[in-house]
Amino acid sequence: MNNEINMYIILNLILSITGIIILYVKTNGRITRLETQIEIFWKGVSFDAATILHKPHRDFQRRDELLDKYIDGTINNAEHNELCEMLKDIINNGEQTEKQSASILWNVMKAKHNIVKEVERILKN
């Protein structure tokens, strides 16, 4: 009788743990899909903002180069910082549509940069 109770308890524990794991996997999958959808949305918004700021004019050649690198995903840290400074200047001194686009792009770039730094910090520990 004692073995039957122990087996019953063990079986219930196994089923409970399995249920928790399945629930975690389903929830984790949903969160991952949601994060992916949000990332795709903000990526599209930031690329649209970069496109609005892109001007084929000699005075804006460096900014255009950095925007192209941002869109291509080849921008390095120094260029990232340089572009952020340019965006801050636009936010403070640009035309209204440029200010809005620069603000959107700056915020997305800063958020991504902060996330990368946090992941790097976590991975170091």
PDB file of N, CA and C in Angstrom:
ATOM      1  N   MET A   1       0.823  -1.189   0.000  1.00  0.00           N
ATOM      2  CA  MET A   1       0.000   0.000   0.000  1.00  0.00           C
ATOM      3  C   MET A   1       0.873   1.262   0.000  1.00  0.00           C
ATOM      4  N   ASN A   2       1.949   1.241   0.801  1.00  0.00           N
ATOM      5  CA  ASN A   2       2.849   2.371   0.893  1.00  0.00           C
ATOM      6  C   ASN A   2       3.524   2.643  -0.446  1.00  0.00           C
ATOM      7  N   ASN A   3       3.912   1.584  -1.185  1.00  0.00           N
ATOM      8  CA  ASN A   3       4.521   1.741  -2.507  1.00  0.00           C
ATOM      9  C   ASN A   3       3.536   2.354  -3.495  1.00  0.00           C
ATOM     10  N   GLU A   4       2.257   1.989  -3.391  1.00  0.00           N
ATOM     11  CA  GLU A   4       1.245   2.547  -4.292  1.00  0.00           C
ATOM     12  C   GLU A   4       1.078   4.048  -4.059  1.00  0.00           C
ATOM     13  N   ILE A   5       1.092   4.464  -2.795  1.00  0.00           N
ATOM     14  CA  ILE A   5       0.967   5.881  -2.473  1.00  0.00           C
ATOM     15  C   ILE A   5       2.192   6.638  -2.983  1.00  0.00           C
ATOM     16  N   ASN A   6       3.371   6.064  -2.770  1.00  0.00           N
ATOM     17  CA  ASN A   6       4.601   6.696  -3.260  1.00  0.00           C
ATOM     18  C   ASN A   6       4.583   6.819  -4.784  1.00  0.00           C
ATOM     19  N   MET A   7       4.151   5.770  -5.466  1.00  0.00           N
ATOM     20  CA  MET A   7       4.071   5.805  -6.938  1.00  0.00           C
ATOM     21  C   MET A   7       3.052   6.844  -7.388  1.00  0.00           C
ATOM     22  N   TYR A   8       1.929   6.928  -6.664  1.00  0.00           N
ATOM     23  CA  TYR A   8       0.895   7.917  -6.988  1.00  0.00           C
ATOM     24  C   TYR A   8       1.457   9.333  -6.823  1.00  0.00           C
ATOM     25  N   ILE A   9       2.173   9.579  -5.739  1.00  0.00           N
ATOM     26  CA  ILE A   9       2.770  10.896  -5.493  1.00  0.00           C
ATOM     27  C   ILE A   9       3.815  11.209  -6.558  1.00  0.00           C
ATOM     28  N   ILE A  10       4.659  10.260  -6.869  1.00  0.00           N
ATOM     29  CA  ILE A  10       5.702  10.453  -7.890  1.00  0.00           C
ATOM     30  C   ILE A  10       5.070  10.717  -9.249  1.00  0.00           C
ATOM     31  N   LEU A  11       4.032   9.958  -9.594  1.00  0.00           N
ATOM     32  CA  LEU A  11       3.342  10.142 -10.871  1.00  0.00           C
ATOM     33  C   LEU A  11       2.720  11.536 -10.945  1.00  0.00           C
ATOM     34  N   ASN A  12       2.087  11.972  -9.855  1.00  0.00           N
ATOM     35  CA  ASN A  12       1.496  13.314  -9.830  1.00  0.00           C
ATOM     36  C   ASN A  12       2.560  14.403  -9.948  1.00  0.00           C
ATOM     37  N   LEU A  13       3.686  14.203  -9.288  1.00  0.00           N
ATOM     38  CA  LEU A  13       4.786  15.169  -9.398  1.00  0.00           C
ATOM     39  C   LEU A  13       5.304  15.256 -10.828  1.00  0.00           C
ATOM     40  N   ILE A  14       5.488  14.097 -11.448  1.00  0.00           N
ATOM     41  CA  ILE A  14       5.975  14.063 -12.831  1.00  0.00           C
ATOM     42  C   ILE A  14       4.987  14.764 -13.755  1.00  0.00           C
ATOM     43  N   LEU A  15       3.692  14.477 -13.592  1.00  0.00           N
ATOM     44  CA  LEU A  15       2.679  15.115 -14.433  1.00  0.00           C
ATOM     45  C   LEU A  15       2.630  16.626 -14.178  1.00  0.00           C
ATOM     46  N   SER A  16       2.749  17.018 -12.921  1.00  0.00           N
ATOM     47  CA  SER A  16       2.733  18.448 -12.592  1.00  0.00           C
ATOM     48  C   SER A  16       3.932  19.163 -13.199  1.00  0.00           C
ATOM     49  N   ILE A  17       5.102  18.578 -13.048  1.00  0.00           N
ATOM     50  CA  ILE A  17       6.320  19.183 -13.602  1.00  0.00           C
ATOM     51  C   ILE A  17       6.231  19.245 -15.122  1.00  0.00           C
ATOM     52  N   THR A  18       5.724  18.179 -15.736  1.00  0.00           N
ATOM     53  CA  THR A  18       5.554  18.164 -17.191  1.00  0.00           C
ATOM     54  C   THR A  18       4.596  19.275 -17.625  1.00  0.00           C
ATOM     55  N   GLY A  19       3.510  19.442 -16.887  1.00  0.00           N
ATOM     56  CA  GLY A  19       2.553  20.508 -17.194  1.00  0.00           C
ATOM     57  C   GLY A  19       3.177  21.879 -17.081  1.00  0.00           C
ATOM     58  N   ILE A  20       3.977  22.076 -16.043  1.00  0.00           N
ATOM     59  CA  ILE A  20       4.651  23.363 -15.856  1.00  0.00           C
ATOM     60  C   ILE A  20       5.629  23.623 -16.994  1.00  0.00           C
ATOM     61  N   ILE A  21       6.360  22.588 -17.392  1.00  0.00           N
ATOM     62  CA  ILE A  21       7.318  22.735 -18.495  1.00  0.00           C
ATOM     63  C   ILE A  21       6.591  23.071 -19.788  1.00  0.00           C
ATOM     64  N   ILE A  22       5.500  22.367 -20.057  1.00  0.00           N
ATOM     65  CA  ILE A  22       4.732  22.631 -21.285  1.00  0.00           C
ATOM     66  C   ILE A  22       4.174  24.051 -21.255  1.00  0.00           C
ATOM     67  N   LEU A  23       3.639  24.468 -20.107  1.00  0.00           N
ATOM     68  CA  LEU A  23       3.117  25.831 -19.978  1.00  0.00           C
ATOM     69  C   LEU A  23       4.225  26.855 -20.192  1.00  0.00           C
ATOM     70  N   TYR A  24       5.408  26.594 -19.610  1.00  0.00           N
ATOM     71  CA  TYR A  24       6.541  27.503 -19.777  1.00  0.00           C
ATOM     72  C   TYR A  24       6.949  27.607 -21.239  1.00  0.00           C
ATOM     73  N   VAL A  25       7.042  26.457 -21.913  1.00  0.00           N
ATOM     74  CA  VAL A  25       7.442  26.452 -23.328  1.00  0.00           C
ATOM     75  C   VAL A  25       6.422  27.203 -24.168  1.00  0.00           C
ATOM     76  N   LYS A  26       5.128  26.971 -23.919  1.00  0.00           N
ATOM     77  CA  LYS A  26       4.094  27.678 -24.682  1.00  0.00           C
ATOM     78  C   LYS A  26       4.161  29.178 -24.415  1.00  0.00           C
ATOM     79  N   THR A  27       4.285  29.563 -23.144  1.00  0.00           N
ATOM     80  CA  THR A  27       4.360  30.975 -22.781  1.00  0.00           C
ATOM     81  C   THR A  27       5.625  31.600 -23.337  1.00  0.00           C
ATOM     82  N   ASN A  28       6.747  30.896 -23.190  1.00  0.00           N
ATOM     83  CA  ASN A  28       8.009  31.407 -23.702  1.00  0.00           C
ATOM     84  C   ASN A  28       7.947  31.586 -25.217  1.00  0.00           C
ATOM     85  N   GLY A  29       7.320  30.640 -25.904  1.00  0.00           N
ATOM     86  CA  GLY A  29       7.165  30.745 -27.356  1.00  0.00           C
ATOM     87  C   GLY A  29       6.331  31.940 -27.746  1.00  0.00           C
ATOM     88  N   ARG A  30       5.256  32.197 -26.990  1.00  0.00           N
ATOM     89  CA  ARG A  30       4.408  33.354 -27.263  1.00  0.00           C
ATOM     90  C   ARG A  30       5.175  34.651 -27.041  1.00  0.00           C
ATOM     91  N   ILE A  31       5.927  34.699 -25.956  1.00  0.00           N
ATOM     92  CA  ILE A  31       6.714  35.903 -25.658  1.00  0.00           C
ATOM     93  C   ILE A  31       7.751  36.125 -26.738  1.00  0.00           C
ATOM     94  N   THR A  32       8.414  35.056 -27.157  1.00  0.00           N
ATOM     95  CA  THR A  32       9.419  35.176 -28.213  1.00  0.00           C
ATOM     96  C   THR A  32       8.780  35.684 -29.506  1.00  0.00           C
ATOM     97  N   ARG A  33       7.609  35.152 -29.858  1.00  0.00           N
ATOM     98  CA  ARG A  33       6.926  35.623 -31.069  1.00  0.00           C
ATOM     99  C   ARG A  33       6.536  37.088 -30.934  1.00  0.00           C
ATOM    100  N   LEU A  34       6.045  37.471 -29.756  1.00  0.00           N
ATOM    101  CA  LEU A  34       5.660  38.858 -29.528  1.00  0.00           C
ATOM    102  C   LEU A  34       6.876  39.774 -29.607  1.00  0.00           C
ATOM    103  N   GLU A  35       7.986  39.372 -28.982  1.00  0.00           N
ATOM    104  CA  GLU A  35       9.216  40.163 -29.051  1.00  0.00           C
ATOM    105  C   GLU A  35       9.673  40.314 -30.495  1.00  0.00           C
ATOM    106  N   THR A  36       9.583  39.247 -31.264  1.00  0.00           N
ATOM    107  CA  THR A  36       9.984  39.292 -32.666  1.00  0.00           C
ATOM    108  C   THR A  36       9.097  40.252 -33.449  1.00  0.00           C
ATOM    109  N   GLN A  37       7.786  40.200 -33.201  1.00  0.00           N
ATOM    110  CA  GLN A  37       6.875  41.096 -33.904  1.00  0.00           C
ATOM    111  C   GLN A  37       7.139  42.548 -33.539  1.00  0.00           C
ATOM    112  N   ILE A  38       7.400  42.803 -32.254  1.00  0.00           N
ATOM    113  CA  ILE A  38       7.702  44.168 -31.826  1.00  0.00           C
ATOM    114  C   ILE A  38       9.004  44.642 -32.453  1.00  0.00           C
ATOM    115  N   GLU A  39      10.014  43.769 -32.470  1.00  0.00           N
ATOM    116  CA  GLU A  39      11.299  44.141 -33.066  1.00  0.00           C
ATOM    117  C   GLU A  39      11.140  44.454 -34.552  1.00  0.00           C
ATOM    118  N   ILE A  40      10.360  43.642 -35.257  1.00  0.00           N
ATOM    119  CA  ILE A  40      10.123  43.887 -36.682  1.00  0.00           C
ATOM    120  C   ILE A  40       9.425  45.229 -36.881  1.00  0.00           C
ATOM    121  N   PHE A  41       8.441  45.518 -36.026  1.00  0.00           N
ATOM    122  CA  PHE A  41       7.718  46.789 -36.124  1.00  0.00           C
ATOM    123  C   PHE A  41       8.677  47.968 -35.953  1.00  0.00           C
ATOM    124  N   TRP A  42       9.469  47.964 -34.858  1.00  0.00           N
ATOM    125  CA  TRP A  42      10.359  49.086 -34.594  1.00  0.00           C
ATOM    126  C   TRP A  42      11.480  49.174 -35.616  1.00  0.00           C
ATOM    127  N   LYS A  43      11.903  48.036 -36.130  1.00  0.00           N
ATOM    128  CA  LYS A  43      12.911  48.052 -37.180  1.00  0.00           C
ATOM    129  C   LYS A  43      12.352  48.764 -38.410  1.00  0.00           C
ATOM    130  N   GLY A  44      11.123  48.438 -38.778  1.00  0.00           N
ATOM    131  CA  GLY A  44      10.483  49.087 -39.916  1.00  0.00           C
ATOM    132  C   GLY A  44      10.302  50.575 -39.693  1.00  0.00           C
ATOM    133  N   VAL A  45       9.856  50.946 -38.491  1.00  0.00           N
ATOM    134  CA  VAL A  45       9.662  52.357 -38.169  1.00  0.00           C
ATOM    135  C   VAL A  45      10.985  53.107 -38.229  1.00  0.00           C
ATOM    136  N   SER A  46      12.028  52.515 -37.650  1.00  0.00           N
ATOM    137  CA  SER A  46      13.326  53.210 -37.654  1.00  0.00           C
ATOM    138  C   SER A  46      13.899  53.299 -39.062  1.00  0.00           C
ATOM    139  N   PHE A  47      13.694  52.274 -39.885  1.00  0.00           N
ATOM    140  CA  PHE A  47      14.170  52.330 -41.268  1.00  0.00           C
ATOM    141  C   PHE A  47      13.402  53.399 -42.043  1.00  0.00           C
ATOM    142  N   ASP A  48      12.104  53.529 -41.788  1.00  0.00           N
ATOM    143  CA  ASP A  48      11.327  54.588 -42.435  1.00  0.00           C
ATOM    144  C   ASP A  48      11.845  55.965 -42.016  1.00  0.00           C
ATOM    145  N   ALA A  49      12.141  56.103 -40.721  1.00  0.00           N
ATOM    146  CA  ALA A  49      12.667  57.381 -40.227  1.00  0.00           C
ATOM    147  C   ALA A  49      14.022  57.678 -40.874  1.00  0.00           C
ATOM    148  N   ALA A  50      14.861  56.653 -40.990  1.00  0.00           N
ATOM    149  CA  ALA A  50      16.174  56.840 -41.629  1.00  0.00           C
ATOM    150  C   ALA A  50      16.012  57.247 -43.083  1.00  0.00           C
ATOM    151  N   THR A  51      15.045  56.656 -43.756  1.00  0.00           N
ATOM    152  CA  THR A  51      14.798  56.983 -45.161  1.00  0.00           C
ATOM    153  C   THR A  51      14.335  58.431 -45.310  1.00  0.00           C
ATOM    154  N   ILE A  52      13.500  58.882 -44.382  1.00  0.00           N
ATOM    155  CA  ILE A  52      13.033  60.279 -44.424  1.00  0.00           C
ATOM    156  C   ILE A  52      14.204  61.243 -44.226  1.00  0.00           C
ATOM    157  N   LEU A  53      15.139  60.883 -43.362  1.00  0.00           N
ATOM    158  CA  LEU A  53      16.288  61.755 -43.083  1.00  0.00           C
ATOM    159  C   LEU A  53      17.352  61.714 -44.173  1.00  0.00           C
ATOM    160  N   HIS A  54      17.322  60.697 -45.000  1.00  0.00           N
ATOM    161  CA  HIS A  54      18.321  60.525 -46.063  1.00  0.00           C
ATOM    162  C   HIS A  54      18.107  61.587 -47.132  1.00  0.00           C
ATOM    163  N   LYS A  55      19.154  62.378 -47.393  1.00  0.00           N
ATOM    164  CA  LYS A  55      19.065  63.445 -48.400  1.00  0.00           C
ATOM    165  C   LYS A  55      20.260  63.344 -49.337  1.00  0.00           C
ATOM    166  N   PRO A  56      20.006  63.133 -50.603  1.00  0.00           N
ATOM    167  CA  PRO A  56      21.131  63.052 -51.549  1.00  0.00           C
ATOM    168  C   PRO A  56      21.702  64.435 -51.856  1.00  0.00           C
ATOM    169  N   HIS A  57      22.361  64.995 -50.870  1.00  0.00           N
ATOM    170  CA  HIS A  57      22.962  66.315 -51.025  1.00  0.00           C
ATOM    171  C   HIS A  57      24.347  66.266 -50.397  1.00  0.00           C
ATOM    172  N   ARG A  58      25.280  66.971 -51.007  1.00  0.00           N
ATOM    173  CA  ARG A  58      26.667  66.932 -50.566  1.00  0.00           C
ATOM    174  C   ARG A  58      26.828  67.330 -49.091  1.00  0.00           C
ATOM    175  N   ASP A  59      26.036  68.275 -48.625  1.00  0.00           N
ATOM    176  CA  ASP A  59      26.132  68.727 -47.234  1.00  0.00           C
ATOM    177  C   ASP A  59      25.752  67.633 -46.232  1.00  0.00           C
ATOM    178  N   PHE A  60      25.012  66.648 -46.694  1.00  0.00           N
ATOM    179  CA  PHE A  60      24.532  65.585 -45.800  1.00  0.00           C
ATOM    180  C   PHE A  60      25.159  64.232 -46.138  1.00  0.00           C
ATOM    181  N   GLN A  61      26.257  64.256 -46.861  1.00  0.00           N
ATOM    182  CA  GLN A  61      26.872  63.010 -47.336  1.00  0.00           C
ATOM    183  C   GLN A  61      27.258  62.081 -46.184  1.00  0.00           C
ATOM    184  N   ARG A  62      27.909  62.605 -45.147  1.00  0.00           N
ATOM    185  CA  ARG A  62      28.326  61.749 -44.030  1.00  0.00           C
ATOM    186  C   ARG A  62      27.114  61.168 -43.302  1.00  0.00           C
ATOM    187  N   ARG A  63      26.114  61.988 -43.074  1.00  0.00           N
ATOM    188  CA  ARG A  63      24.887  61.497 -42.424  1.00  0.00           C
ATOM    189  C   ARG A  63      24.254  60.399 -43.251  1.00  0.00           C
ATOM    190  N   ASP A  64      24.206  60.587 -44.566  1.00  0.00           N
ATOM    191  CA  ASP A  64      23.627  59.584 -45.452  1.00  0.00           C
ATOM    192  C   ASP A  64      24.420  58.276 -45.396  1.00  0.00           C
ATOM    193  N   GLU A  65      25.750  58.390 -45.343  1.00  0.00           N
ATOM    194  CA  GLU A  65      26.588  57.182 -45.233  1.00  0.00           C
ATOM    195  C   GLU A  65      26.261  56.413 -43.954  1.00  0.00           C
ATOM    196  N   LEU A  66      26.125  57.149 -42.854  1.00  0.00           N
ATOM    197  CA  LEU A  66      25.823  56.507 -41.574  1.00  0.00           C
ATOM    198  C   LEU A  66      24.412  55.914 -41.563  1.00  0.00           C
ATOM    199  N   LEU A  67      23.469  56.615 -42.156  1.00  0.00           N
ATOM    200  CA  LEU A  67      22.106  56.087 -42.251  1.00  0.00           C
ATOM    201  C   LEU A  67      22.080  54.806 -43.085  1.00  0.00           C
ATOM    202  N   ASP A  68      22.842  54.808 -44.190  1.00  0.00           N
ATOM    203  CA  ASP A  68      22.927  53.597 -45.019  1.00  0.00           C
ATOM    204  C   ASP A  68      23.518  52.430 -44.224  1.00  0.00           C
ATOM    205  N   LYS A  69      24.556  52.714 -43.455  1.00  0.00           N
ATOM    206  CA  LYS A  69      25.173  51.660 -42.639  1.00  0.00           C
ATOM    207  C   LYS A  69      24.204  51.163 -41.576  1.00  0.00           C
ATOM    208  N   TYR A  70      23.435  52.075 -40.997  1.00  0.00           N
ATOM    209  CA  TYR A  70      22.434  51.672 -40.006  1.00  0.00           C
ATOM    210  C   TYR A  70      21.401  50.738 -40.645  1.00  0.00           C
ATOM    211  N   ILE A  71      20.906  51.132 -41.802  1.00  0.00           N
ATOM    212  CA  ILE A  71      19.898  50.321 -42.491  1.00  0.00           C
ATOM    213  C   ILE A  71      20.472  48.968 -42.891  1.00  0.00           C
ATOM    214  N   ASP A  72      21.735  48.958 -43.344  1.00  0.00           N
ATOM    215  CA  ASP A  72      22.378  47.707 -43.759  1.00  0.00           C
ATOM    216  C   ASP A  72      22.801  46.839 -42.571  1.00  0.00           C
ATOM    217  N   GLY A  73      22.824  47.431 -41.377  1.00  0.00           N
ATOM    218  CA  GLY A  73      23.247  46.691 -40.199  1.00  0.00           C
ATOM    219  C   GLY A  73      24.755  46.566 -40.076  1.00  0.00           C
ATOM    220  N   THR A  74      25.495  47.470 -40.732  1.00  0.00           N
ATOM    221  CA  THR A  74      26.958  47.407 -40.710  1.00  0.00           C
ATOM    222  C   THR A  74      27.583  48.548 -39.907  1.00  0.00           C
ATOM    223  N   ILE A  75      26.767  49.277 -39.169  1.00  0.00           N
ATOM    224  CA  ILE A  75      27.272  50.420 -38.409  1.00  0.00           C
ATOM    225  C   ILE A  75      28.042  49.926 -37.181  1.00  0.00           C
ATOM    226  N   ASN A  76      29.221  50.523 -36.933  1.00  0.00           N
ATOM    227  CA  ASN A  76      30.007  50.131 -35.753  1.00  0.00           C
ATOM    228  C   ASN A  76      29.700  51.098 -34.601  1.00  0.00           C
ATOM    229  N   ASN A  77      30.314  50.866 -33.437  1.00  0.00           N
ATOM    230  CA  ASN A  77      30.022  51.676 -32.247  1.00  0.00           C
ATOM    231  C   ASN A  77      30.353  53.148 -32.442  1.00  0.00           C
ATOM    232  N   ALA A  78      31.510  53.440 -33.009  1.00  0.00           N
ATOM    233  CA  ALA A  78      31.904  54.840 -33.210  1.00  0.00           C
ATOM    234  C   ALA A  78      30.932  55.532 -34.165  1.00  0.00           C
ATOM    235  N   GLU A  79      30.573  54.849 -35.243  1.00  0.00           N
ATOM    236  CA  GLU A  79      29.621  55.416 -36.206  1.00  0.00           C
ATOM    237  C   GLU A  79      28.237  55.562 -35.573  1.00  0.00           C
ATOM    238  N   HIS A  80      27.867  54.596 -34.750  1.00  0.00           N
ATOM    239  CA  HIS A  80      26.595  54.647 -34.025  1.00  0.00           C
ATOM    240  C   HIS A  80      26.540  55.923 -33.184  1.00  0.00           C
ATOM    241  N   ASN A  81      27.605  56.170 -32.429  1.00  0.00           N
ATOM    242  CA  ASN A  81      27.657  57.362 -31.584  1.00  0.00           C
ATOM    243  C   ASN A  81      27.649  58.648 -32.408  1.00  0.00           C
ATOM    244  N   GLU A  82      28.372  58.612 -33.525  1.00  0.00           N
ATOM    245  CA  GLU A  82      28.409  59.787 -34.408  1.00  0.00           C
ATOM    246  C   GLU A  82      27.018  60.078 -34.975  1.00  0.00           C
ATOM    247  N   LEU A  83      26.331  59.040 -35.413  1.00  0.00           N
ATOM    248  CA  LEU A  83      24.977  59.222 -35.949  1.00  0.00           C
ATOM    249  C   LEU A  83      24.028  59.718 -34.863  1.00  0.00           C
ATOM    250  N   CYS A  84      24.160  59.190 -33.659  1.00  0.00           N
ATOM    251  CA  CYS A  84      23.308  59.652 -32.551  1.00  0.00           C
ATOM    252  C   CYS A  84      23.522  61.136 -32.280  1.00  0.00           C
ATOM    253  N   GLU A  85      24.761  61.587 -32.351  1.00  0.00           N
ATOM    254  CA  GLU A  85      25.045  63.021 -32.167  1.00  0.00           C
ATOM    255  C   GLU A  85      24.398  63.847 -33.277  1.00  0.00           C
ATOM    256  N   MET A  86      24.483  63.359 -34.508  1.00  0.00           N
ATOM    257  CA  MET A  86      23.846  64.056 -35.632  1.00  0.00           C
ATOM    258  C   MET A  86      22.333  64.116 -35.435  1.00  0.00           C
ATOM    259  N   LEU A  87      21.762  63.019 -34.943  1.00  0.00           N
ATOM    260  CA  LEU A  87      20.316  62.973 -34.718  1.00  0.00           C
ATOM    261  C   LEU A  87      19.910  63.954 -33.619  1.00  0.00           C
ATOM    262  N   LYS A  88      20.723  64.048 -32.572  1.00  0.00           N
ATOM    263  CA  LYS A  88      20.426  65.021 -31.507  1.00  0.00           C
ATOM    264  C   LYS A  88      20.450  66.444 -32.050  1.00  0.00           C
ATOM    265  N   ASP A  89      21.392  66.717 -32.948  1.00  0.00           N
ATOM    266  CA  ASP A  89      21.460  68.043 -33.559  1.00  0.00           C
ATOM    267  C   ASP A  89      20.203  68.319 -34.378  1.00  0.00           C
ATOM    268  N   ILE A  90      19.736  67.317 -35.119  1.00  0.00           N
ATOM    269  CA  ILE A  90      18.502  67.485 -35.904  1.00  0.00           C
ATOM    270  C   ILE A  90      17.320  67.718 -34.970  1.00  0.00           C
ATOM    271  N   ILE A  91      17.254  66.951 -33.875  1.00  0.00           N
ATOM    272  CA  ILE A  91      16.158  67.096 -32.915  1.00  0.00           C
ATOM    273  C   ILE A  91      16.125  68.517 -32.363  1.00  0.00           C
ATOM    274  N   ASN A  92      17.290  69.092 -32.121  1.00  0.00           N
ATOM    275  CA  ASN A  92      17.365  70.440 -31.545  1.00  0.00           C
ATOM    276  C   ASN A  92      17.230  71.555 -32.574  1.00  0.00           C
ATOM    277  N   ASN A  93      17.660  71.286 -33.820  1.00  0.00           N
ATOM    278  CA  ASN A  93      17.750  72.390 -34.791  1.00  0.00           C
ATOM    279  C   ASN A  93      17.069  72.125 -36.137  1.00  0.00           C
ATOM    280  N   GLY A  94      16.514  70.962 -36.335  1.00  0.00           N
ATOM    281  CA  GLY A  94      15.984  70.613 -37.655  1.00  0.00           C
ATOM    282  C   GLY A  94      14.563  71.080 -37.902  1.00  0.00           C
ATOM    283  N   GLU A  95      14.089  70.765 -39.111  1.00  0.00           N
ATOM    284  CA  GLU A  95      12.700  71.041 -39.470  1.00  0.00           C
ATOM    285  C   GLU A  95      11.806  70.045 -38.731  1.00  0.00           C
ATOM    286  N   GLN A  96      10.517  70.340 -38.637  1.00  0.00           N
ATOM    287  CA  GLN A  96       9.600  69.546 -37.832  1.00  0.00           C
ATOM    288  C   GLN A  96       9.566  68.067 -38.253  1.00  0.00           C
ATOM    289  N   THR A  97       9.445  67.786 -39.552  1.00  0.00           N
ATOM    290  CA  THR A  97       9.398  66.384 -39.980  1.00  0.00           C
ATOM    291  C   THR A  97      10.721  65.687 -39.706  1.00  0.00           C
ATOM    292  N   GLU A  98      11.811  66.412 -39.873  1.00  0.00           N
ATOM    293  CA  GLU A  98      13.116  65.841 -39.562  1.00  0.00           C
ATOM    294  C   GLU A  98      13.262  65.597 -38.061  1.00  0.00           C
ATOM    295  N   LYS A  99      12.760  66.516 -37.252  1.00  0.00           N
ATOM    296  CA  LYS A  99      12.827  66.357 -35.801  1.00  0.00           C
ATOM    297  C   LYS A  99      12.115  65.079 -35.365  1.00  0.00           C
ATOM    298  N   GLN A 100      10.922  64.849 -35.911  1.00  0.00           N
ATOM    299  CA  GLN A 100      10.155  63.664 -35.546  1.00  0.00           C
ATOM    300  C   GLN A 100      10.874  62.393 -35.968  1.00  0.00           C
ATOM    301  N   SER A 101      11.365  62.379 -37.196  1.00  0.00           N
ATOM    302  CA  SER A 101      12.070  61.196 -37.687  1.00  0.00           C
ATOM    303  C   SER A 101      13.357  60.964 -36.906  1.00  0.00           C
ATOM    304  N   ALA A 102      14.086  62.033 -36.633  1.00  0.00           N
ATOM    305  CA  ALA A 102      15.331  61.911 -35.876  1.00  0.00           C
ATOM    306  C   ALA A 102      15.056  61.421 -34.462  1.00  0.00           C
ATOM    307  N   SER A 103      13.991  61.907 -33.864  1.00  0.00           N
ATOM    308  CA  SER A 103      13.634  61.491 -32.518  1.00  0.00           C
ATOM    309  C   SER A 103      13.276  60.007 -32.462  1.00  0.00           C
ATOM    310  N   ILE A 104      12.499  59.560 -33.424  1.00  0.00           N
ATOM    311  CA  ILE A 104      12.141  58.138 -33.488  1.00  0.00           C
ATOM    312  C   ILE A 104      13.385  57.284 -33.660  1.00  0.00           C
ATOM    313  N   LEU A 105      14.214  57.649 -34.624  1.00  0.00           N
ATOM    314  CA  LEU A 105      15.413  56.870 -34.907  1.00  0.00           C
ATOM    315  C   LEU A 105      16.367  56.879 -33.716  1.00  0.00           C
ATOM    316  N   TRP A 106      16.569  58.045 -33.101  1.00  0.00           N
ATOM    317  CA  TRP A 106      17.467  58.158 -31.961  1.00  0.00           C
ATOM    318  C   TRP A 106      17.000  57.266 -30.815  1.00  0.00           C
ATOM    319  N   ASN A 107      15.697  57.300 -30.531  1.00  0.00           N
ATOM    320  CA  ASN A 107      15.160  56.488 -29.432  1.00  0.00           C
ATOM    321  C   ASN A 107      15.291  54.996 -29.704  1.00  0.00           C
ATOM    322  N   VAL A 108      15.028  54.571 -30.934  1.00  0.00           N
ATOM    323  CA  VAL A 108      15.169  53.146 -31.278  1.00  0.00           C
ATOM    324  C   VAL A 108      16.638  52.732 -31.184  1.00  0.00           C
ATOM    325  N   MET A 109      17.531  53.570 -31.710  1.00  0.00           N
ATOM    326  CA  MET A 109      18.963  53.240 -31.669  1.00  0.00           C
ATOM    327  C   MET A 109      19.461  53.157 -30.224  1.00  0.00           C
ATOM    328  N   LYS A 110      19.055  54.092 -29.386  1.00  0.00           N
ATOM    329  CA  LYS A 110      19.481  54.086 -27.987  1.00  0.00           C
ATOM    330  C   LYS A 110      18.918  52.868 -27.254  1.00  0.00           C
ATOM    331  N   ALA A 111      17.661  52.536 -27.508  1.00  0.00           N
ATOM    332  CA  ALA A 111      17.060  51.374 -26.847  1.00  0.00           C
ATOM    333  C   ALA A 111      17.791  50.096 -27.238  1.00  0.00           C
ATOM    334  N   LYS A 112      18.064  49.937 -28.532  1.00  0.00           N
ATOM    335  CA  LYS A 112      18.797  48.753 -28.990  1.00  0.00           C
ATOM    336  C   LYS A 112      20.196  48.710 -28.379  1.00  0.00           C
ATOM    337  N   HIS A 113      20.854  49.859 -28.348  1.00  0.00           N
ATOM    338  CA  HIS A 113      22.208  49.948 -27.796  1.00  0.00           C
ATOM    339  C   HIS A 113      22.202  49.543 -26.315  1.00  0.00           C
ATOM    340  N   ASN A 114      21.220  50.031 -25.571  1.00  0.00           N
ATOM    341  CA  ASN A 114      21.117  49.690 -24.149  1.00  0.00           C
ATOM    342  C   ASN A 114      20.840  48.209 -23.939  1.00  0.00           C
ATOM    343  N   ILE A 115      20.018  47.624 -24.805  1.00  0.00           N
ATOM    344  CA  ILE A 115      19.725  46.190 -24.700  1.00  0.00           C
ATOM    345  C   ILE A 115      20.981  45.373 -24.961  1.00  0.00           C
ATOM    346  N   VAL A 116      21.730  45.752 -25.991  1.00  0.00           N
ATOM    347  CA  VAL A 116      22.973  45.031 -26.313  1.00  0.00           C
ATOM    348  C   VAL A 116      23.952  45.123 -25.147  1.00  0.00           C
ATOM    349  N   LYS A 117      24.092  46.303 -24.573  1.00  0.00           N
ATOM    350  CA  LYS A 117      25.001  46.481 -23.431  1.00  0.00           C
ATOM    351  C   LYS A 117      24.558  45.628 -22.242  1.00  0.00           C
ATOM    352  N   GLU A 118      23.260  45.560 -21.996  1.00  0.00           N
ATOM    353  CA  GLU A 118      22.753  44.760 -20.880  1.00  0.00           C
ATOM    354  C   GLU A 118      22.991  43.272 -21.117  1.00  0.00           C
ATOM    355  N   VAL A 119      22.785  42.816 -22.339  1.00  0.00           N
ATOM    356  CA  VAL A 119      23.047  41.406 -22.674  1.00  0.00           C
ATOM    357  C   VAL A 119      24.525  41.094 -22.495  1.00  0.00           C
ATOM    358  N   GLU A 120      25.388  41.985 -22.967  1.00  0.00           N
ATOM    359  CA  GLU A 120      26.827  41.790 -22.794  1.00  0.00           C
ATOM    360  C   GLU A 120      27.199  41.716 -21.316  1.00  0.00           C
ATOM    361  N   ARG A 121      26.588  42.573 -20.501  1.00  0.00           N
ATOM    362  CA  ARG A 121      26.860  42.561 -19.062  1.00  0.00           C
ATOM    363  C   ARG A 121      26.406  41.253 -18.425  1.00  0.00           C
ATOM    364  N   ILE A 122      25.245  40.775 -18.826  1.00  0.00           N
ATOM    365  CA  ILE A 122      24.727  39.520 -18.281  1.00  0.00           C
ATOM    366  C   ILE A 122      25.608  38.355 -18.692  1.00  0.00           C
ATOM    367  N   LEU A 123      26.052  38.345 -19.945  1.00  0.00           N
ATOM    368  CA  LEU A 123      26.880  37.253 -20.428  1.00  0.00           C
ATOM    369  C   LEU A 123      28.247  37.223 -19.750  1.00  0.00           C
ATOM    370  N   LYS A 124      28.752  38.386 -19.339  1.00  0.00           N
ATOM    371  CA  LYS A 124      30.033  38.429 -18.638  1.00  0.00           C
ATOM    372  C   LYS A 124      29.939  37.800 -17.260  1.00  0.00           C
ATOM    373  N   ASN A 125      28.767  37.916 -16.644  1.00  0.00           N
ATOM    374  CA  ASN A 125      28.592  37.385 -15.270  1.00  0.00           C
ATOM    375  C   ASN A 125      28.220  35.969 -15.297  1.00  0.00           C
TER     376      ASN A 125
END
